[in-house]
Amino acid sequence: MPSFLFDHIALSVKDVGASIAFYQKVLGLKEIENTASDSKTRWLSLGEGKQLHLIPRPNSEIKTNKAVHFALKTSDLDAFIRYLNDLNIPYSDWPDTPNKDYVRKDGIKQVYFQDPNGYWIEINDDIQTH
């Protein structure tokens, strides 16, 4: 069987411009060229060749729940939480307690928040793999 590596995640979004602005401001993601097509889909770099593709679907219903999320890790979760507070972006722990982080059984601390389309994002301090 061949091996596999993560390449990208694609999300349907109501307003691609607002979504790009959110991911650039909140996560510092850089927009990169959409090399696949001339569509209005826009790409952001997640680093190391990984990408976030934002596909405009202004008339589509977007259904979300916290169990379906993507996660990014940072070396300074406390600084990121302060940044979320500065931006007035609500966050929660896994059980949905507002403005609270969550420490998993393995000691990894995490928070969850939503993008403008309702997609859940986890940020954690899994520095063991940095």
Protein backbone atom coordinates (compact mmCIF):
# COMPACT_ATOMS: atom_id res chain seq x y z
CA MET A 1 0.00 0.00 0.00
CA PRO A 2 1.33 3.50 -0.76
CA SER A 3 2.02 5.97 2.01
CA PHE A 4 0.06 9.21 2.43
CA LEU A 5 0.84 12.72 3.65
CA PHE A 6 -1.54 15.52 4.56
CA ASP A 7 -1.92 18.06 1.71
CA HIS A 8 -4.79 20.48 2.31
CA ILE A 9 -8.16 21.10 3.87
CA ALA A 10 -10.96 22.73 1.87
CA LEU A 11 -13.83 24.68 3.43
CA SER A 12 -16.96 26.08 1.80
CA VAL A 13 -17.38 29.71 2.86
CA LYS A 14 -20.14 32.31 2.49
CA ASP A 15 -17.79 35.28 1.94
CA VAL A 16 -14.32 34.31 0.76
CA GLY A 17 -12.92 37.83 1.30
CA ALA A 18 -14.09 37.97 4.92
CA SER A 19 -12.76 34.46 5.51
CA ILE A 20 -9.35 35.33 4.03
CA ALA A 21 -9.20 38.44 6.23
CA PHE A 22 -10.10 36.41 9.34
CA TYR A 23 -7.47 33.72 8.78
CA GLN A 24 -4.82 36.30 7.95
CA LYS A 25 -5.57 38.45 11.00
CA VAL A 26 -6.26 35.75 13.59
CA LEU A 27 -3.82 33.03 12.53
CA GLY A 28 -1.34 35.03 10.45
CA LEU A 29 -1.82 32.78 7.42
CA LYS A 30 -0.39 34.04 4.12
CA GLU A 31 -2.38 33.88 0.92
CA ILE A 32 -0.71 31.83 -1.80
CA GLU A 33 -1.47 31.33 -5.47
CA ASN A 34 -4.25 28.95 -6.45
CA THR A 35 -2.24 26.90 -8.91
CA ALA A 36 -5.05 24.44 -9.64
CA SER A 37 -7.59 26.61 -11.42
CA ASP A 38 -8.81 30.07 -12.34
CA SER A 39 -11.76 29.73 -9.95
CA LYS A 40 -12.53 32.14 -7.12
CA THR A 41 -11.24 29.57 -4.62
CA ARG A 42 -8.44 31.12 -2.60
CA TRP A 43 -5.58 29.35 -0.87
CA LEU A 44 -3.75 30.07 2.36
CA SER A 45 -0.49 28.46 3.46
CA LEU A 46 -0.50 26.37 6.63
CA GLY A 47 3.28 25.99 6.34
CA GLU A 48 5.42 23.07 5.18
CA GLY A 49 3.47 22.81 1.90
CA LYS A 50 0.10 22.36 3.65
CA GLN A 51 -2.79 24.55 2.54
CA LEU A 52 -6.22 25.81 3.52
CA HIS A 53 -8.52 26.18 0.49
CA LEU A 54 -11.49 28.53 0.88
CA ILE A 55 -14.19 27.76 -1.67
CA PRO A 56 -16.87 30.44 -2.14
CA ARG A 57 -20.37 29.01 -1.70
CA PRO A 58 -22.47 32.07 -0.78
CA ASN A 59 -25.80 30.26 -1.17
CA SER A 60 -24.89 26.93 0.43
CA GLU A 61 -25.90 25.89 3.91
CA ILE A 62 -22.86 25.31 6.11
CA LYS A 63 -23.36 22.82 8.93
CA THR A 64 -20.79 22.65 11.69
CA ASN A 65 -20.19 21.02 15.04
CA LYS A 66 -17.21 21.09 17.37
CA ALA A 67 -16.31 17.45 16.77
CA VAL A 68 -15.52 18.39 13.15
CA HIS A 69 -12.61 20.80 13.47
CA PHE A 70 -9.03 21.31 12.45
CA ALA A 71 -6.23 21.84 14.93
CA LEU A 72 -3.05 23.89 14.88
CA LYS A 73 -0.36 23.92 17.54
CA THR A 74 1.58 26.85 18.93
CA SER A 75 4.54 27.20 21.25
CA ASP A 76 2.76 29.96 23.24
CA LEU A 77 -0.91 29.18 23.76
CA ASP A 78 -1.26 31.70 26.59
CA ALA A 79 -0.12 34.53 24.27
CA PHE A 80 -2.57 33.34 21.62
CA ILE A 81 -5.42 33.32 24.16
CA ARG A 82 -4.54 36.92 25.08
CA TYR A 83 -4.62 37.75 21.35
CA LEU A 84 -8.10 36.19 21.01
CA ASN A 85 -9.22 38.32 23.96
CA ASP A 86 -7.73 41.45 22.34
CA LEU A 87 -9.71 40.66 19.18
CA ASN A 88 -12.89 39.91 21.19
CA ILE A 89 -13.08 36.44 19.65
CA PRO A 90 -14.94 34.07 21.97
CA TYR A 91 -13.23 30.79 22.76
CA SER A 92 -14.05 27.81 24.94
CA ASP A 93 -12.83 24.51 26.25
CA TRP A 94 -14.06 21.21 24.82
CA PRO A 95 -17.22 21.10 27.03
CA ASP A 96 -18.08 24.67 25.84
CA THR A 97 -17.17 26.64 28.96
CA PRO A 98 -16.64 30.20 27.66
CA ASN A 99 -13.19 31.79 28.01
CA LYS A 100 -11.65 28.63 29.44
CA ASP A 101 -8.88 26.37 28.19
CA TYR A 102 -8.92 22.60 28.49
CA VAL A 103 -6.08 20.30 29.52
CA ARG A 104 -6.27 16.85 28.00
CA LYS A 105 -5.31 13.66 29.84
CA ASP A 106 -1.93 13.76 28.07
CA GLY A 107 -1.24 17.29 29.39
CA ILE A 108 -1.86 19.17 26.14
CA LYS A 109 -3.74 22.44 26.70
CA GLN A 110 -6.22 23.57 24.05
CA VAL A 111 -8.91 26.10 23.19
CA TYR A 112 -11.60 26.18 20.52
CA PHE A 113 -13.09 29.08 18.57
CA GLN A 114 -15.05 29.57 15.36
CA ASP A 115 -14.32 31.30 12.08
CA PRO A 116 -16.91 33.59 10.41
CA ASN A 117 -18.64 30.55 8.83
CA GLY A 118 -18.94 28.66 12.10
CA TYR A 119 -16.09 26.20 11.48
CA TRP A 120 -14.37 25.13 14.68
CA ILE A 121 -10.64 25.63 15.11
CA GLU A 122 -8.57 24.10 17.90
CA ILE A 123 -5.31 25.68 18.99
CA ASN A 124 -3.14 23.61 21.31
CA ASP A 125 0.29 23.69 22.91
CA ASP A 126 1.49 20.29 21.73
CA ILE A 127 5.12 21.37 21.90
CA GLN A 128 6.30 17.79 22.27
CA THR A 129 6.32 17.50 18.47
CA HIS A 130 7.94 20.88 17.70
